[in-house]
PDB file of N, CA and C in Angstrom:
ATOM      1  N   MET A   1      64.513 136.433  90.888  1.00  0.00           N
ATOM      2  CA  MET A   1      63.485 137.169  90.195  1.00  0.00           C
ATOM      3  C   MET A   1      62.176 136.403  90.297  1.00  0.00           C
ATOM      4  N   GLY A   2      61.136 137.043  90.751  1.00  0.00           N
ATOM      5  CA  GLY A   2      59.842 136.403  90.898  1.00  0.00           C
ATOM      6  C   GLY A   2      58.995 136.517  89.648  1.00  0.00           C
ATOM      7  N   PHE A   3      57.973 135.689  89.582  1.00  0.00           N
ATOM      8  CA  PHE A   3      57.057 135.725  88.449  1.00  0.00           C
ATOM      9  C   PHE A   3      55.839 136.550  88.817  1.00  0.00           C
ATOM     10  N   ARG A   4      55.382 137.349  87.878  1.00  0.00           N
ATOM     11  CA  ARG A   4      54.170 138.125  88.085  1.00  0.00           C
ATOM     12  C   ARG A   4      53.065 137.502  87.244  1.00  0.00           C
ATOM     13  N   LEU A   5      52.397 136.516  87.803  1.00  0.00           N
ATOM     14  CA  LEU A   5      51.384 135.785  87.058  1.00  0.00           C
ATOM     15  C   LEU A   5      50.226 136.662  86.607  1.00  0.00           C
ATOM     16  N   PRO A   6      49.761 137.637  87.408  1.00  0.00           N
ATOM     17  CA  PRO A   6      48.692 138.497  86.899  1.00  0.00           C
ATOM     18  C   PRO A   6      49.118 139.262  85.646  1.00  0.00           C
ATOM     19  N   ALA A   7      50.379 139.657  85.564  1.00  0.00           N
ATOM     20  CA  ALA A   7      50.850 140.373  84.378  1.00  0.00           C
ATOM     21  C   ALA A   7      50.825 139.467  83.158  1.00  0.00           C
ATOM     22  N   ILE A   8      51.185 138.214  83.342  1.00  0.00           N
ATOM     23  CA  ILE A   8      51.153 137.270  82.227  1.00  0.00           C
ATOM     24  C   ILE A   8      49.712 137.030  81.798  1.00  0.00           C
ATOM     25  N   ALA A   9      48.813 136.908  82.750  1.00  0.00           N
ATOM     26  CA  ALA A   9      47.403 136.713  82.406  1.00  0.00           C
ATOM     27  C   ALA A   9      46.870 137.911  81.637  1.00  0.00           C
ATOM     28  N   ASN A  10      47.249 139.123  82.062  1.00  0.00           N
ATOM     29  CA  ASN A  10      46.822 140.323  81.342  1.00  0.00           C
ATOM     30  C   ASN A  10      47.413 140.357  79.944  1.00  0.00           C
ATOM     31  N   ALA A  11      48.650 139.931  79.800  1.00  0.00           N
ATOM     32  CA  ALA A  11      49.281 139.904  78.478  1.00  0.00           C
ATOM     33  C   ALA A  11      48.543 138.930  77.567  1.00  0.00           C
ATOM     34  N   LYS A  12      48.139 137.788  78.122  1.00  0.00           N
ATOM     35  CA  LYS A  12      47.399 136.822  77.317  1.00  0.00           C
ATOM     36  C   LYS A  12      46.086 137.423  76.821  1.00  0.00           C
ATOM     37  N   ARG A  13      45.425 138.187  77.691  1.00  0.00           N
ATOM     38  CA  ARG A  13      44.158 138.794  77.288  1.00  0.00           C
ATOM     39  C   ARG A  13      44.371 139.895  76.264  1.00  0.00           C
ATOM     40  N   SER A  14      45.464 140.668  76.411  1.00  0.00           N
ATOM     41  CA  SER A  14      45.684 141.784  75.499  1.00  0.00           C
ATOM     42  C   SER A  14      46.192 141.340  74.140  1.00  0.00           C
ATOM     43  N   LEU A  15      46.831 140.196  74.077  1.00  0.00           N
ATOM     44  CA  LEU A  15      47.281 139.659  72.792  1.00  0.00           C
ATOM     45  C   LEU A  15      46.166 138.802  72.217  1.00  0.00           C
ATOM     46  N   THR A  16      45.855 139.034  70.988  1.00  0.00           N
ATOM     47  CA  THR A  16      44.810 138.262  70.346  1.00  0.00           C
ATOM     48  C   THR A  16      45.443 137.092  69.634  1.00  0.00           C
ATOM     49  N   ARG A  17      45.123 135.910  70.082  1.00  0.00           N
ATOM     50  CA  ARG A  17      45.658 134.711  69.438  1.00  0.00           C
ATOM     51  C   ARG A  17      44.580 134.130  68.545  1.00  0.00           C
ATOM     52  N   SER A  18      44.935 133.932  67.303  1.00  0.00           N
ATOM     53  CA  SER A  18      43.986 133.398  66.346  1.00  0.00           C
ATOM     54  C   SER A  18      44.515 132.097  65.777  1.00  0.00           C
ATOM     55  N   LEU A  19      43.684 131.098  65.747  1.00  0.00           N
ATOM     56  CA  LEU A  19      44.083 129.818  65.188  1.00  0.00           C
ATOM     57  C   LEU A  19      43.218 129.487  63.968  1.00  0.00           C
ATOM     58  N   SER A  20      42.930 130.503  63.165  1.00  0.00           N
ATOM     59  CA  SER A  20      42.094 130.322  61.978  1.00  0.00           C
ATOM     60  C   SER A  20      42.745 129.335  61.024  1.00  0.00           C
ATOM     61  N   ALA A  21      41.946 128.597  60.319  1.00  0.00           N
ATOM     62  CA  ALA A  21      42.475 127.581  59.414  1.00  0.00           C
ATOM     63  C   ALA A  21      42.835 128.141  58.046  1.00  0.00           C
ATOM     64  N   SER A  22      42.051 129.043  57.518  1.00  0.00           N
ATOM     65  CA  SER A  22      42.336 129.520  56.161  1.00  0.00           C
ATOM     66  C   SER A  22      43.144 130.809  56.179  1.00  0.00           C
ATOM     67  N   LYS A  23      44.022 130.957  55.180  1.00  0.00           N
ATOM     68  CA  LYS A  23      44.882 132.120  55.115  1.00  0.00           C
ATOM     69  C   LYS A  23      44.090 133.402  54.886  1.00  0.00           C
ATOM     70  N   SER A  24      43.023 133.338  54.096  1.00  0.00           N
ATOM     71  CA  SER A  24      42.244 134.537  53.816  1.00  0.00           C
ATOM     72  C   SER A  24      41.565 135.059  55.077  1.00  0.00           C
ATOM     73  N   SER A  25      41.069 134.161  55.926  1.00  0.00           N
ATOM     74  CA  SER A  25      40.442 134.630  57.155  1.00  0.00           C
ATOM     75  C   SER A  25      41.489 135.162  58.125  1.00  0.00           C
ATOM     76  N   LYS A  26      42.725 134.647  58.039  1.00  0.00           N
ATOM     77  CA  LYS A  26      43.787 135.154  58.900  1.00  0.00           C
ATOM     78  C   LYS A  26      44.096 136.602  58.580  1.00  0.00           C
ATOM     79  N   SER A  27      44.118 136.956  57.305  1.00  0.00           N
ATOM     80  CA  SER A  27      44.443 138.331  56.950  1.00  0.00           C
ATOM     81  C   SER A  27      43.304 139.271  57.310  1.00  0.00           C
ATOM     82  N   LEU A  28      42.084 138.778  57.390  1.00  0.00           N
ATOM     83  CA  LEU A  28      40.950 139.621  57.720  1.00  0.00           C
ATOM     84  C   LEU A  28      40.839 139.906  59.209  1.00  0.00           C
ATOM     85  N   ASP A  29      41.419 139.067  60.053  1.00  0.00           N
ATOM     86  CA  ASP A  29      41.259 139.263  61.487  1.00  0.00           C
ATOM     87  C   ASP A  29      42.400 140.076  62.109  1.00  0.00           C
ATOM     88  N   ILE A  30      43.151 140.782  61.293  1.00  0.00           N
ATOM     89  CA  ILE A  30      44.226 141.627  61.804  1.00  0.00           C
ATOM     90  C   ILE A  30      43.754 143.075  61.771  1.00  0.00           C
ATOM     91  N   PRO A  31      43.485 143.675  62.936  1.00  0.00           N
ATOM     92  CA  PRO A  31      43.020 145.059  62.950  1.00  0.00           C
ATOM     93  C   PRO A  31      44.115 146.032  62.515  1.00  0.00           C
ATOM     94  N   LYS A  32      43.698 147.199  62.079  1.00  0.00           N
ATOM     95  CA  LYS A  32      44.641 148.232  61.686  1.00  0.00           C
ATOM     96  C   LYS A  32      45.511 148.583  62.896  1.00  0.00           C
ATOM     97  N   GLY A  33      46.825 148.722  62.657  1.00  0.00           N
ATOM     98  CA  GLY A  33      47.746 149.039  63.741  1.00  0.00           C
ATOM     99  C   GLY A  33      48.320 147.821  64.444  1.00  0.00           C
ATOM    100  N   TYR A  34      48.095 146.642  63.900  1.00  0.00           N
ATOM    101  CA  TYR A  34      48.574 145.392  64.489  1.00  0.00           C
ATOM    102  C   TYR A  34      49.283 144.569  63.418  1.00  0.00           C
ATOM    103  N   PHE A  35      50.068 143.577  63.853  1.00  0.00           N
ATOM    104  CA  PHE A  35      50.699 142.652  62.929  1.00  0.00           C
ATOM    105  C   PHE A  35      50.807 141.278  63.573  1.00  0.00           C
ATOM    106  N   VAL A  36      51.115 140.275  62.749  1.00  0.00           N
ATOM    107  CA  VAL A  36      51.117 138.879  63.202  1.00  0.00           C
ATOM    108  C   VAL A  36      52.541 138.411  63.474  1.00  0.00           C
ATOM    109  N   VAL A  37      52.703 137.696  64.586  1.00  0.00           N
ATOM    110  CA  VAL A  37      53.949 136.984  64.863  1.00  0.00           C
ATOM    111  C   VAL A  37      53.587 135.547  65.231  1.00  0.00           C
ATOM    112  N   TYR A  38      54.506 134.638  64.926  1.00  0.00           N
ATOM    113  CA  TYR A  38      54.363 133.237  65.306  1.00  0.00           C
ATOM    114  C   TYR A  38      55.412 132.941  66.359  1.00  0.00           C
ATOM    115  N   VAL A  39      54.973 132.375  67.479  1.00  0.00           N
ATOM    116  CA  VAL A  39      55.839 132.172  68.637  1.00  0.00           C
ATOM    117  C   VAL A  39      55.789 130.718  69.061  1.00  0.00           C
ATOM    118  N   GLY A  40      56.936 130.193  69.435  1.00  0.00           N
ATOM    119  CA  GLY A  40      56.997 128.840  69.962  1.00  0.00           C
ATOM    120  C   GLY A  40      58.234 128.132  69.479  1.00  0.00           C
ATOM    121  N   GLU A  41      58.587 127.092  70.192  1.00  0.00           N
ATOM    122  CA  GLU A  41      59.787 126.356  69.839  1.00  0.00           C
ATOM    123  C   GLU A  41      59.471 125.206  68.896  1.00  0.00           C
ATOM    124  N   SER A  42      58.547 124.340  69.260  1.00  0.00           N
ATOM    125  CA  SER A  42      58.212 123.234  68.357  1.00  0.00           C
ATOM    126  C   SER A  42      56.893 123.503  67.636  1.00  0.00           C
ATOM    127  N   GLN A  43      55.880 123.885  68.377  1.00  0.00           N
ATOM    128  CA  GLN A  43      54.588 124.216  67.778  1.00  0.00           C
ATOM    129  C   GLN A  43      54.412 125.730  67.835  1.00  0.00           C
ATOM    130  N   LYS A  44      54.222 126.347  66.695  1.00  0.00           N
ATOM    131  CA  LYS A  44      54.099 127.804  66.615  1.00  0.00           C
ATOM    132  C   LYS A  44      52.661 128.232  66.888  1.00  0.00           C
ATOM    133  N   LYS A  45      52.505 129.275  67.692  1.00  0.00           N
ATOM    134  CA  LYS A  45      51.191 129.855  67.958  1.00  0.00           C
ATOM    135  C   LYS A  45      51.173 131.261  67.380  1.00  0.00           C
ATOM    136  N   ARG A  46      50.043 131.657  66.870  1.00  0.00           N
ATOM    137  CA  ARG A  46      49.888 132.930  66.171  1.00  0.00           C
ATOM    138  C   ARG A  46      49.362 133.988  67.129  1.00  0.00           C
ATOM    139  N   PHE A  47      50.022 135.152  67.157  1.00  0.00           N
ATOM    140  CA  PHE A  47      49.602 136.285  67.969  1.00  0.00           C
ATOM    141  C   PHE A  47      49.473 137.517  67.098  1.00  0.00           C
ATOM    142  N   VAL A  48      48.463 138.307  67.358  1.00  0.00           N
ATOM    143  CA  VAL A  48      48.286 139.597  66.699  1.00  0.00           C
ATOM    144  C   VAL A  48      48.646 140.648  67.732  1.00  0.00           C
ATOM    145  N   ILE A  49      49.711 141.413  67.462  1.00  0.00           N
ATOM    146  CA  ILE A  49      50.237 142.350  68.454  1.00  0.00           C
ATOM    147  C   ILE A  49      50.276 143.769  67.888  1.00  0.00           C
ATOM    148  N   PRO A  50      50.266 144.780  68.763  1.00  0.00           N
ATOM    149  CA  PRO A  50      50.252 146.173  68.299  1.00  0.00           C
ATOM    150  C   PRO A  50      51.576 146.592  67.659  1.00  0.00           C
ATOM    151  N   LEU A  51      51.482 147.437  66.645  1.00  0.00           N
ATOM    152  CA  LEU A  51      52.674 147.971  65.986  1.00  0.00           C
ATOM    153  C   LEU A  51      53.541 148.773  66.951  1.00  0.00           C
ATOM    154  N   SER A  52      52.960 149.300  68.004  1.00  0.00           N
ATOM    155  CA  SER A  52      53.722 150.103  68.979  1.00  0.00           C
ATOM    156  C   SER A  52      54.853 149.299  69.616  1.00  0.00           C
ATOM    157  N   TYR A  53      54.745 147.964  69.619  1.00  0.00           N
ATOM    158  CA  TYR A  53      55.813 147.124  70.160  1.00  0.00           C
ATOM    159  C   TYR A  53      57.112 147.288  69.363  1.00  0.00           C
ATOM    160  N   LEU A  54      57.004 147.695  68.099  1.00  0.00           N
ATOM    161  CA  LEU A  54      58.198 147.852  67.265  1.00  0.00           C
ATOM    162  C   LEU A  54      59.122 148.956  67.782  1.00  0.00           C
ATOM    163  N   ASN A  55      58.605 149.865  68.588  1.00  0.00           N
ATOM    164  CA  ASN A  55      59.415 150.948  69.165  1.00  0.00           C
ATOM    165  C   ASN A  55      60.104 150.558  70.468  1.00  0.00           C
ATOM    166  N   GLU A  56      59.776 149.403  71.000  1.00  0.00           N
ATOM    167  CA  GLU A  56      60.302 148.963  72.290  1.00  0.00           C
ATOM    168  C   GLU A  56      61.639 148.242  72.116  1.00  0.00           C
ATOM    169  N   PRO A  57      62.696 148.691  72.833  1.00  0.00           N
ATOM    170  CA  PRO A  57      64.019 148.067  72.699  1.00  0.00           C
ATOM    171  C   PRO A  57      64.030 146.565  72.981  1.00  0.00           C
ATOM    172  N   MET A  58      63.274 146.101  73.979  1.00  0.00           N
ATOM    173  CA  MET A  58      63.239 144.665  74.281  1.00  0.00           C
ATOM    174  C   MET A  58      62.651 143.884  73.110  1.00  0.00           C
ATOM    175  N   PHE A  59      61.616 144.431  72.484  1.00  0.00           N
ATOM    176  CA  PHE A  59      61.007 143.740  71.351  1.00  0.00           C
ATOM    177  C   PHE A  59      61.927 143.797  70.132  1.00  0.00           C
ATOM    178  N   GLN A  60      62.643 144.898  69.966  1.00  0.00           N
ATOM    179  CA  GLN A  60      63.598 145.017  68.865  1.00  0.00           C
ATOM    180  C   GLN A  60      64.710 143.979  68.998  1.00  0.00           C
ATOM    181  N   ASP A  61      65.148 143.714  70.224  1.00  0.00           N
ATOM    182  CA  ASP A  61      66.145 142.665  70.455  1.00  0.00           C
ATOM    183  C   ASP A  61      65.605 141.304  70.036  1.00  0.00           C
ATOM    184  N   LEU A  62      64.352 141.050  70.360  1.00  0.00           N
ATOM    185  CA  LEU A  62      63.714 139.795  69.982  1.00  0.00           C
ATOM    186  C   LEU A  62      63.617 139.677  68.460  1.00  0.00           C
ATOM    187  N   LEU A  63      63.313 140.772  67.787  1.00  0.00           N
ATOM    188  CA  LEU A  63      63.251 140.764  66.322  1.00  0.00           C
ATOM    189  C   LEU A  63      64.627 140.520  65.706  1.00  0.00           C
ATOM    190  N   SER A  64      65.662 141.053  66.336  1.00  0.00           N
ATOM    191  CA  SER A  64      67.029 140.807  65.841  1.00  0.00           C
ATOM    192  C   SER A  64      67.367 139.324  65.932  1.00  0.00           C
ATOM    193  N   GLN A  65      66.963 138.692  67.024  1.00  0.00           N
ATOM    194  CA  GLN A  65      67.183 137.253  67.170  1.00  0.00           C
ATOM    195  C   GLN A  65      66.411 136.482  66.105  1.00  0.00           C
ATOM    196  N   ALA A  66      65.188 136.932  65.823  1.00  0.00           N
ATOM    197  CA  ALA A  66      64.374 136.280  64.794  1.00  0.00           C
ATOM    198  C   ALA A  66      65.034 136.416  63.430  1.00  0.00           C
ATOM    199  N   GLU A  67      65.587 137.588  63.156  1.00  0.00           N
ATOM    200  CA  GLU A  67      66.267 137.806  61.877  1.00  0.00           C
ATOM    201  C   GLU A  67      67.483 136.897  61.738  1.00  0.00           C
ATOM    202  N   GLU A  68      68.264 136.772  62.824  1.00  0.00           N
ATOM    203  CA  GLU A  68      69.450 135.919  62.785  1.00  0.00           C
ATOM    204  C   GLU A  68      69.079 134.457  62.540  1.00  0.00           C
ATOM    205  N   GLU A  69      67.991 134.008  63.162  1.00  0.00           N
ATOM    206  CA  GLU A  69      67.626 132.601  63.060  1.00  0.00           C
ATOM    207  C   GLU A  69      66.848 132.272  61.785  1.00  0.00           C
ATOM    208  N   PHE A  70      65.929 133.161  61.381  1.00  0.00           N
ATOM    209  CA  PHE A  70      65.033 132.851  60.274  1.00  0.00           C
ATOM    210  C   PHE A  70      65.219 133.738  59.052  1.00  0.00           C
ATOM    211  N   GLY A  71      65.966 134.826  59.163  1.00  0.00           N
ATOM    212  CA  GLY A  71      66.106 135.755  58.042  1.00  0.00           C
ATOM    213  C   GLY A  71      64.795 136.467  57.777  1.00  0.00           C
ATOM    214  N   TYR A  72      64.592 136.858  56.535  1.00  0.00           N
ATOM    215  CA  TYR A  72      63.370 137.581  56.180  1.00  0.00           C
ATOM    216  C   TYR A  72      62.353 136.709  55.468  1.00  0.00           C
ATOM    217  N   ASP A  73      62.627 135.429  55.323  1.00  0.00           N
ATOM    218  CA  ASP A  73      61.710 134.520  54.661  1.00  0.00           C
ATOM    219  C   ASP A  73      60.791 133.906  55.707  1.00  0.00           C
ATOM    220  N   HIS A  74      59.527 134.307  55.694  1.00  0.00           N
ATOM    221  CA  HIS A  74      58.567 133.824  56.680  1.00  0.00           C
ATOM    222  C   HIS A  74      57.418 133.125  55.966  1.00  0.00           C
ATOM    223  N   PRO A  75      57.554 131.813  55.741  1.00  0.00           N
ATOM    224  CA  PRO A  75      56.551 131.077  54.976  1.00  0.00           C
ATOM    225  C   PRO A  75      55.162 131.064  55.614  1.00  0.00           C
ATOM    226  N   MET A  76      55.066 131.331  56.904  1.00  0.00           N
ATOM    227  CA  MET A  76      53.773 131.307  57.574  1.00  0.00           C
ATOM    228  C   MET A  76      53.011 132.623  57.377  1.00  0.00           C
ATOM    229  N   GLY A  77      53.646 133.630  56.786  1.00  0.00           N
ATOM    230  CA  GLY A  77      52.970 134.892  56.523  1.00  0.00           C
ATOM    231  C   GLY A  77      53.199 135.955  57.578  1.00  0.00           C
ATOM    232  N   GLY A  78      53.755 135.612  58.702  1.00  0.00           N
ATOM    233  CA  GLY A  78      54.072 136.561  59.765  1.00  0.00           C
ATOM    234  C   GLY A  78      55.496 136.347  60.207  1.00  0.00           C
ATOM    235  N   ILE A  79      55.928 137.127  61.141  1.00  0.00           N
ATOM    236  CA  ILE A  79      57.290 137.012  61.657  1.00  0.00           C
ATOM    237  C   ILE A  79      57.338 135.863  62.662  1.00  0.00           C
ATOM    238  N   THR A  80      58.351 135.009  62.541  1.00  0.00           N
ATOM    239  CA  THR A  80      58.529 133.901  63.472  1.00  0.00           C
ATOM    240  C   THR A  80      59.502 134.325  64.555  1.00  0.00           C
ATOM    241  N   ILE A  81      59.076 134.235  65.816  1.00  0.00           N
ATOM    242  CA  ILE A  81      59.882 134.633  66.969  1.00  0.00           C
ATOM    243  C   ILE A  81      60.434 133.368  67.627  1.00  0.00           C
ATOM    244  N   PRO A  82      61.770 133.273  67.747  1.00  0.00           N
ATOM    245  CA  PRO A  82      62.388 132.046  68.291  1.00  0.00           C
ATOM    246  C   PRO A  82      62.472 132.028  69.814  1.00  0.00           C
ATOM    247  N   CYS A  83      61.338 131.900  70.480  1.00  0.00           N
ATOM    248  CA  CYS A  83      61.349 131.769  71.938  1.00  0.00           C
ATOM    249  C   CYS A  83      60.103 131.002  72.360  1.00  0.00           C
ATOM    250  N   SER A  84      60.046 130.651  73.620  1.00  0.00           N
ATOM    251  CA  SER A  84      58.874 129.930  74.115  1.00  0.00           C
ATOM    252  C   SER A  84      57.698 130.898  74.247  1.00  0.00           C
ATOM    253  N   GLU A  85      56.502 130.343  74.229  1.00  0.00           N
ATOM    254  CA  GLU A  85      55.302 131.167  74.395  1.00  0.00           C
ATOM    255  C   GLU A  85      55.331 131.870  75.745  1.00  0.00           C
ATOM    256  N   HIS A  86      55.768 131.169  76.770  1.00  0.00           N
ATOM    257  CA  HIS A  86      55.836 131.752  78.122  1.00  0.00           C
ATOM    258  C   HIS A  86      56.775 132.960  78.147  1.00  0.00           C
ATOM    259  N   SER A  87      57.969 132.822  77.539  1.00  0.00           N
ATOM    260  CA  SER A  87      58.928 133.936  77.501  1.00  0.00           C
ATOM    261  C   SER A  87      58.361 135.116  76.731  1.00  0.00           C
ATOM    262  N   PHE A  88      57.677 134.841  75.631  1.00  0.00           N
ATOM    263  CA  PHE A  88      57.079 135.907  74.824  1.00  0.00           C
ATOM    264  C   PHE A  88      56.010 136.653  75.620  1.00  0.00           C
ATOM    265  N   LEU A  89      55.158 135.915  76.309  1.00  0.00           N
ATOM    266  CA  LEU A  89      54.109 136.550  77.108  1.00  0.00           C
ATOM    267  C   LEU A  89      54.695 137.346  78.264  1.00  0.00           C
ATOM    268  N   GLU A  90      55.755 136.833  78.855  1.00  0.00           N
ATOM    269  CA  GLU A  90      56.411 137.563  79.940  1.00  0.00           C
ATOM    270  C   GLU A  90      56.998 138.874  79.427  1.00  0.00           C
ATOM    271  N   LEU A  91      57.663 138.830  78.268  1.00  0.00           N
ATOM    272  CA  LEU A  91      58.245 140.037  77.688  1.00  0.00           C
ATOM    273  C   LEU A  91      57.167 141.043  77.317  1.00  0.00           C
ATOM    274  N   THR A  92      56.125 140.602  76.630  1.00  0.00           N
ATOM    275  CA  THR A  92      55.082 141.531  76.204  1.00  0.00           C
ATOM    276  C   THR A  92      54.290 142.104  77.361  1.00  0.00           C
ATOM    277  N   SER A  93      54.255 141.395  78.496  1.00  0.00           N
ATOM    278  CA  SER A  93      53.547 141.931  79.661  1.00  0.00           C
ATOM    279  C   SER A  93      54.283 143.150  80.228  1.00  0.00           C
ATOM    280  N   ARG A  94      55.576 143.294  79.918  1.00  0.00           N
ATOM    281  CA  ARG A  94      56.358 144.437  80.393  1.00  0.00           C
ATOM    282  C   ARG A  94      56.317 145.630  79.446  1.00  0.00           C
ATOM    283  N   LEU A  95      55.771 145.430  78.245  1.00  0.00           N
ATOM    284  CA  LEU A  95      55.755 146.494  77.252  1.00  0.00           C
ATOM    285  C   LEU A  95      54.506 147.336  77.383  1.00  0.00           C
ATOM    286  N   SER A  96      54.628 148.616  77.065  1.00  0.00           N
ATOM    287  CA  SER A  96      53.452 149.486  77.060  1.00  0.00           C
ATOM    288  C   SER A  96      52.789 149.391  75.695  1.00  0.00           C
ATOM    289  N   VAL A  97      51.492 149.409  75.692  1.00  0.00           N
ATOM    290  CA  VAL A  97      50.745 149.258  74.429  1.00  0.00           C
ATOM    291  C   VAL A  97      50.602 150.594  73.746  1.00  0.00           C
TER     292      VAL A  97
END
């Protein structure tokens, strides 16, 4: 299986990553129709992604894995996804917005 680097680059551009320091500013930078996920194995990165991803079977599988590993308690304020940033970007590059 080959890598499609342009697709990953497009996914990076379409996902809004915010590294805001304060929690109040984090809640303000989430547009309507989007939600926050935290992705990464050791260091978590914050992504704002479209709600339409919730209808995608591949993303639903990822959420099931997150539920198994972290449950419903998300101290960071968003859903924590247990995968590498690269894997997350590769998966989201295949999803329709």
